[in-house]
Structures are given as structure tokens and as C-alpha cells.
Amino acid sequence: MTLAAQSDGGLPNLWIRRGLILGFAPILIAVLGVDSVNLADHGYRTQWLADWMAIAYFTVMLWGLKAEERRIAIIFVPFSALAEYLFSQVFDLYLYRLDMVPLYVPFGHAILFSTGLVLADLKALQQWNMLRWILLGVHLMLFLLAIALWHDGLSAILLLIFAWVLQRKGARLLYGIMGCLVLMVELSGTSLGCWTWQSESFGWLHTTNPPVGAFVFYVLGDLAGFKLGRWVRFPAFVRSLENPSQ
């Protein structure tokens, strides 16, 4: 059972919910495009526009999510902001174009994760029993290629972590879907110059740009976000976002 199927109320707007699936690629290209190196080289300073686009999309997105999904999406924003600060500013695993973490990034993480939940909740995908194994098989192949051909040490570590998660939680469809979505984001962001992964993290850990195992961070975020969602109590103004239809 996916997290999306565990909703405890708060019916979503079905039109918006369907739009989240169709809108993911366009909002991804739009946000990363206006923050690209190419626009910056031509004198355009439009990262602020990317920030507002992501925030606006996130706000509308809440109406298309189930109650539990909304809760996780809201939690994911500050959770991602903290993780981004640690990974990019403290550990220097990757660098953003303007050094500091853009405002659109934590909202983008929540958008990406929520899109994965919506896709994993589709009955057509759930009924295709082999899909989870096909996706996990593709990701395993990418892991092995990155490790064998490019000596990607970070992906090797992430593969071990992912194997531990699979042993504990099983082969969930969500994980395979998240792997595809994260790969789309990473290839787009690095090719547009929005961020760059360090080739030698910590001075010794070789990493490709981007690492194929980056989606494992989202898998860990899924576990942490779900546990946080059980005991975090939001203040009133945040609860109004959690249940936007009320």
C-alpha cells in the first residue's frame, strides 16, 4: 500500500490531482530554465521568478492532494531546507549556481515527492504488478553501471542504503517512480547549470554529475516524513494549508 492510499480524509480536487501528473515536466523546465546559466550569462537575473513559480505551484498543488499527502508535503519543505543546507553548505556534496540554496529548491522537493505519491496512487500503475520490479531493475542497472564505469563512490554508498531500505520496507512502487522523477530533475538541473555535484566529495569520494543514486535521499525523506507526520502538530495557520478546502 502506498502512502497516498493511507489518506485519512480531506478529499482532493481531482482536476488538480490529474494536473499534477501532466504539469510536473512543464513546471520543472520552467523553474530550472529561468534559473539557468544561459539566462544568467545573457544578463537575466530571474531566480526570483523561479522562486515564486515554485511557491505558487506548491500552493495550488495542496488542493490536489489527500489529507495525509498534504501533511507530508508541508513537512517536506522545512525538512528539505535543512537537508539542503547540510548537504550543499556543510558537506559540499554539490554547489548551486549562486552558492546559496535557492528558495525554490525545498518547495521543489515537496512538489517532486508529492508527484511521486500521486503517480504511485494510480490504480493503473498499481495493477501492473511487474512495474515496480522493472523500475527497480532499471535503477539497479544504473547503479552498477555508474559504479563500474565511472567509479561513482557516492552511488555505491547510496546503493547500500537503498538495499537496507528495501530489506525493511520491501519493493514499493513509489521508490521506482521517485527514481525516475529524480533522474529527470537531476539531469535537467545539472545540464542547465542550476547546480553541480562535486567530483570529489570530502576530498576522496568520487561522484558523477549527477549521481544516479540521488533518489535514495528521497526514499529516506519518505521514511522520515511519514514518521514526523505522526507526531508533528502544526500551528493554526499551517493547519489551514494542510486542509485548504476548509
Protein backbone atom coordinates (compact mmCIF):
# COMPACT_ATOMS: atom_id res chain seq x y z
CA MET A 1 0.00 0.00 0.00
CA THR A 2 1.36 3.41 -0.92
CA LEU A 3 1.39 6.38 1.40
CA ALA A 4 -1.12 8.03 -0.90
CA ALA A 5 -3.56 5.22 -0.20
CA GLN A 6 -3.37 5.83 3.54
CA SER A 7 -5.17 9.16 3.44
CA ASP A 8 -7.36 9.87 6.45
CA GLY A 9 -9.71 12.36 4.82
CA GLY A 10 -9.63 15.67 3.02
CA LEU A 11 -10.79 14.84 -0.49
CA PRO A 12 -8.54 16.30 -3.20
CA ASN A 13 -9.62 18.30 -6.23
CA LEU A 14 -9.42 15.61 -8.91
CA TRP A 15 -8.75 18.08 -11.73
CA ILE A 16 -5.76 19.49 -9.90
CA ARG A 17 -4.63 15.98 -8.97
CA ARG A 18 -4.60 14.95 -12.63
CA GLY A 19 -2.90 18.21 -13.49
CA LEU A 20 -0.04 17.40 -11.11
CA ILE A 21 0.91 14.48 -13.32
CA LEU A 22 0.76 16.48 -16.56
CA GLY A 23 2.24 19.61 -15.01
CA PHE A 24 5.39 18.15 -13.48
CA ALA A 25 7.61 18.29 -16.58
CA PRO A 26 6.49 21.81 -17.63
CA ILE A 27 6.99 23.33 -14.16
CA LEU A 28 10.35 21.56 -13.89
CA ILE A 29 11.63 23.02 -17.16
CA ALA A 30 10.12 26.44 -16.44
CA VAL A 31 11.63 26.81 -12.96
CA LEU A 32 15.05 25.45 -13.83
CA GLY A 33 15.04 27.27 -17.16
CA VAL A 34 14.65 30.73 -15.65
CA ASP A 35 17.44 29.93 -13.18
CA SER A 36 19.77 28.57 -15.86
CA VAL A 37 23.35 29.62 -16.51
CA ASN A 38 22.40 30.53 -20.08
CA LEU A 39 19.92 33.21 -18.98
CA ALA A 40 22.34 34.49 -16.35
CA ASP A 41 25.10 34.78 -18.98
CA HIS A 42 22.77 36.97 -21.05
CA GLY A 43 22.25 39.32 -18.13
CA TYR A 44 18.93 37.99 -16.83
CA ARG A 45 18.68 37.70 -13.04
CA THR A 46 15.47 35.71 -12.79
CA GLN A 47 15.99 33.30 -9.91
CA TRP A 48 13.33 35.28 -8.02
CA LEU A 49 10.84 34.27 -10.71
CA ALA A 50 11.76 30.61 -10.26
CA ASP A 51 11.15 31.01 -6.52
CA TRP A 52 7.66 32.46 -6.97
CA MET A 53 6.72 29.92 -9.64
CA ALA A 54 7.62 27.03 -7.33
CA ILE A 55 5.77 28.55 -4.35
CA ALA A 56 2.65 29.22 -6.44
CA TYR A 57 2.66 25.70 -7.91
CA PHE A 58 3.16 24.20 -4.45
CA THR A 59 0.22 26.18 -3.05
CA VAL A 60 -2.14 25.09 -5.83
CA MET A 61 -0.81 21.54 -5.55
CA LEU A 62 -2.12 21.21 -1.99
CA TRP A 63 -5.71 21.21 -3.30
CA GLY A 64 -4.91 18.14 -5.39
CA LEU A 65 -3.52 16.07 -2.53
CA LYS A 66 -5.20 13.88 0.05
CA ALA A 67 -5.01 14.96 3.68
CA GLU A 68 -2.06 12.75 4.59
CA GLU A 69 -0.24 13.71 1.40
CA ARG A 70 -0.75 17.42 2.18
CA ARG A 71 0.66 16.91 5.63
CA ILE A 72 3.76 15.20 4.28
CA ALA A 73 4.17 17.86 1.56
CA ILE A 74 4.11 20.67 4.13
CA ILE A 75 6.55 18.83 6.41
CA PHE A 76 8.82 18.17 3.43
CA VAL A 77 9.51 21.89 2.85
CA PRO A 78 11.39 22.68 6.10
CA PHE A 79 12.79 19.14 6.20
CA SER A 80 14.26 19.62 2.71
CA ALA A 81 15.57 23.10 3.54
CA LEU A 82 17.55 21.67 6.46
CA ALA A 83 18.82 18.75 4.38
CA GLU A 84 19.83 21.10 1.56
CA TYR A 85 21.78 23.29 3.96
CA LEU A 86 23.66 20.29 5.33
CA PHE A 87 24.41 18.61 2.00
CA SER A 88 25.28 21.72 -0.03
CA GLN A 89 26.59 24.23 2.51
CA VAL A 90 28.17 21.99 5.17
CA PHE A 91 29.19 18.81 3.35
CA ASP A 92 29.68 20.47 -0.09
CA LEU A 93 28.28 17.48 -1.98
CA TYR A 94 27.01 19.90 -4.65
CA LEU A 95 27.08 23.62 -5.37
CA TYR A 96 24.28 25.87 -6.55
CA ARG A 97 24.83 28.46 -9.27
CA LEU A 98 24.74 31.36 -6.81
CA ASP A 99 26.22 29.29 -3.95
CA MET A 100 23.27 29.66 -1.56
CA VAL A 101 20.30 27.27 -1.71
CA PRO A 102 17.57 28.89 -3.88
CA LEU A 103 14.18 29.37 -2.24
CA TYR A 104 12.50 27.25 -4.93
CA VAL A 105 14.51 24.15 -4.02
CA PRO A 106 12.75 22.99 -0.80
CA PHE A 107 9.36 23.68 -2.42
CA GLY A 108 10.59 21.77 -5.47
CA HIS A 109 11.44 18.78 -3.31
CA ALA A 110 7.91 18.75 -1.92
CA ILE A 111 6.46 19.06 -5.44
CA LEU A 112 8.60 16.20 -6.71
CA PHE A 113 7.78 13.93 -3.79
CA SER A 114 4.06 14.71 -3.96
CA THR A 115 4.03 13.98 -7.69
CA GLY A 116 5.57 10.60 -6.92
CA LEU A 117 2.84 9.89 -4.37
CA VAL A 118 0.11 10.81 -6.86
CA LEU A 119 1.61 8.58 -9.55
CA ALA A 120 2.05 5.69 -7.12
CA ASP A 121 -1.63 6.05 -6.18
CA LEU A 122 -2.84 5.47 -9.76
CA LYS A 123 -4.75 2.20 -9.93
CA ALA A 124 -3.47 1.53 -13.45
CA LEU A 125 0.12 1.53 -12.17
CA GLN A 126 -0.71 -0.39 -9.00
CA GLN A 127 -2.40 -3.15 -11.01
CA TRP A 128 0.68 -3.59 -13.21
CA ASN A 129 2.42 -5.88 -10.74
CA MET A 130 5.66 -6.14 -12.70
CA LEU A 131 6.17 -2.38 -12.93
CA ARG A 132 7.84 -1.99 -9.55
CA TRP A 133 10.29 -4.76 -10.39
CA ILE A 134 11.01 -3.33 -13.84
CA LEU A 135 11.73 0.12 -12.40
CA LEU A 136 13.87 -1.23 -9.58
CA GLY A 137 15.75 -3.40 -12.08
CA VAL A 138 16.48 -0.36 -14.26
CA HIS A 139 17.74 1.60 -11.26
CA LEU A 140 19.91 -1.31 -10.14
CA MET A 141 21.45 -1.47 -13.62
CA LEU A 142 22.17 2.29 -13.50
CA PHE A 143 23.75 1.89 -10.07
CA LEU A 144 26.03 -0.89 -11.29
CA LEU A 145 27.00 0.98 -14.48
CA ALA A 146 27.86 4.14 -12.53
CA ILE A 147 29.94 2.18 -10.05
CA ALA A 148 31.71 0.00 -12.64
CA LEU A 149 32.29 2.54 -15.43
CA TRP A 150 32.60 5.86 -13.60
CA HIS A 151 33.67 4.63 -10.16
CA ASP A 152 30.85 6.58 -8.52
CA GLY A 153 31.58 6.07 -4.83
CA LEU A 154 28.61 8.10 -3.61
CA SER A 155 26.18 5.97 -5.62
CA ALA A 156 27.84 2.85 -4.17
CA ILE A 157 27.09 4.11 -0.65
CA LEU A 158 23.55 5.08 -1.66
CA LEU A 159 23.02 1.61 -3.17
CA LEU A 160 23.86 0.02 0.19
CA ILE A 161 21.44 2.37 1.95
CA PHE A 162 18.74 1.59 -0.62
CA ALA A 163 19.28 -2.15 -0.16
CA TRP A 164 18.77 -1.66 3.59
CA VAL A 165 15.51 0.25 2.95
CA LEU A 166 14.26 -2.47 0.57
CA GLN A 167 15.04 -5.10 3.18
CA ARG A 168 12.99 -3.19 5.76
CA LYS A 169 10.13 -1.83 3.63
CA GLY A 170 10.02 -4.06 0.57
CA ALA A 171 9.99 -3.12 -3.13
CA ARG A 172 7.50 -0.24 -3.17
CA LEU A 173 6.28 1.18 -6.46
CA LEU A 174 6.88 4.67 -5.06
CA TYR A 175 10.63 4.08 -4.90
CA GLY A 176 10.91 3.16 -8.57
CA ILE A 177 8.78 6.15 -9.60
CA MET A 178 10.81 8.51 -7.42
CA GLY A 179 13.97 7.23 -9.06
CA CYS A 180 12.65 8.23 -12.50
CA LEU A 181 11.44 11.66 -11.35
CA VAL A 182 14.66 12.48 -9.52
CA LEU A 183 16.71 11.43 -12.53
CA MET A 184 14.67 13.86 -14.66
CA VAL A 185 15.29 16.67 -12.18
CA GLU A 186 19.00 15.95 -11.76
CA LEU A 187 19.70 15.69 -15.49
CA SER A 188 17.76 18.91 -16.13
CA GLY A 189 19.29 20.87 -13.26
CA THR A 190 22.88 19.90 -13.95
CA SER A 191 22.60 20.37 -17.73
CA LEU A 192 21.10 23.85 -17.25
CA GLY A 193 23.82 24.74 -14.76
CA CYS A 194 21.49 25.31 -11.80
CA TRP A 195 23.72 23.15 -9.62
CA THR A 196 26.80 20.94 -9.95
CA TRP A 197 27.79 17.88 -7.98
CA GLN A 198 31.37 17.92 -6.69
CA SER A 199 33.56 15.37 -8.44
CA GLU A 200 35.42 14.57 -5.20
CA SER A 201 33.15 14.93 -2.17
CA PHE A 202 35.01 15.20 1.15
CA GLY A 203 38.19 15.19 -0.94
CA TRP A 204 38.07 11.44 -1.56
CA LEU A 205 34.55 10.28 -2.53
CA HIS A 206 34.25 10.29 -6.32
CA THR A 207 30.83 11.32 -7.63
CA THR A 208 29.35 11.66 -11.10
CA ASN A 209 27.41 14.78 -12.07
CA PRO A 210 24.68 13.83 -11.25
CA PRO A 211 24.94 10.61 -9.22
CA VAL A 212 22.37 8.02 -10.30
CA GLY A 213 21.58 7.20 -6.68
CA ALA A 214 20.39 10.70 -5.74
CA PHE A 215 16.80 9.45 -5.44
CA VAL A 216 17.76 7.48 -2.31
CA PHE A 217 17.74 10.78 -0.42
CA TYR A 218 14.02 10.99 -1.24
CA VAL A 219 13.48 7.42 -0.09
CA LEU A 220 14.98 8.37 3.26
CA GLY A 221 12.86 11.52 3.21
CA ASP A 222 9.77 9.34 2.73
CA LEU A 223 10.61 7.34 5.84
CA ALA A 224 11.43 10.40 7.93
CA GLY A 225 8.49 12.47 6.67
CA PHE A 226 5.97 9.73 7.40
CA LYS A 227 7.27 9.31 10.95
CA LEU A 228 7.32 13.07 11.56
CA GLY A 229 3.78 13.33 10.23
CA ARG A 230 2.55 11.05 13.01
CA TRP A 231 3.54 13.35 15.87
CA VAL A 232 4.14 16.85 14.49
CA ARG A 233 1.31 19.22 15.44
CA PHE A 234 1.07 22.27 13.19
CA PRO A 235 0.09 25.74 14.39
CA ALA A 236 -3.31 27.01 13.20
CA PHE A 237 -2.08 28.93 10.15
CA VAL A 238 -0.24 25.83 8.87
CA ARG A 239 -3.27 23.60 9.52
CA SER A 240 -5.21 25.89 7.19
CA LEU A 241 -2.76 24.91 4.44
CA GLU A 242 -2.95 21.27 5.41
CA ASN A 243 -6.73 21.39 4.84
CA PRO A 244 -7.12 24.14 2.21
CA SER A 245 -10.70 23.19 1.40
CA GLN A 246 -11.86 24.03 4.91
